[in-house]
Amino acid sequence: MTKEPPSKTHLHRQKILIILLVLISGSLFYLLLVRLGLMMPVGQITQVLCFQYCQPEPQLHTPLAKDELLNYDQPLEQLVTTANNNKKISLLIEKSRHRLTLYYDLKPLKSYPVVFGTNPVGDKQAEGDSKTPEGILQIKDLYPHPQWSKFLWLDYPNTRSWRKYFQAKASGKLPWHIPIGGEVGIHGVPVGRDNMISDRYNWTLGCPSLKNKDVDELYQWVQKGTVVEILP
């Protein structure tokens, strides 16, 4: 007794099932890579993979000409003379000068001393390198922190971060199994340790760090979406 060959309908259903299984397993694998910090979210793929059409990152702020801190001894509320519009506030961090300056409508108002990761020279490429990222970022959230007063969470890794990350891997500067990292933000110091800022002691895993009174003041003026430009 011979077996009847499978019908065309049955074969068609088998092909559809195989395709669905491949798509589902591929999607789950991709989500795992995203969770591990090895792949960018789906919504950023086209921007990251722009190849030669990538737009160069502009420099938004004009740094102060001198090295000193601008108006550091004055309360910020005395310096903002126009109507309170927090959307016009932005921050410039200069790593080589250990300086964070608040700008209002791209005009500098007040500077603060700041320190960085224990490996401060160069742009952050991946998790564990203890570098502070460079480029244009934004505050994605802000909240009180139990150890460091406040935390102004930055949107690292953003599109440009992912692009630099894959370029480093393609050029052999970074192993393929190393994740990009995250959880970078501007924060304070443990209570009573403001001297780490005064002494320019780079102590973090990559976050910019301020004296607690300074990050407390900034916390009142910045918001989600505030632009933070970080220069070498």
Foldseek 3Di string as FASTA:
>chain_A
DDDDDDDPVVVVVVVVVVVVVVVVVVVVVVVVCVVLQLDPDPVLVCQLPVPPPHDDADDQADDDPDLDWAPAVDQQVVQPPDPQDLQQWAWEAEAVSQKIFIDGVRHTGTIFGKAWFQQDPDAQQAQQPRYAHAGKWWQAFKDQDPFFGIWRFIPPPDSVNVNSNVVCCVVVNDPSVTHRDGRETETEHGPPVQVCRVVNPRHDSGHMYGHNVVVVSVVVRHGGGHMYGYHD
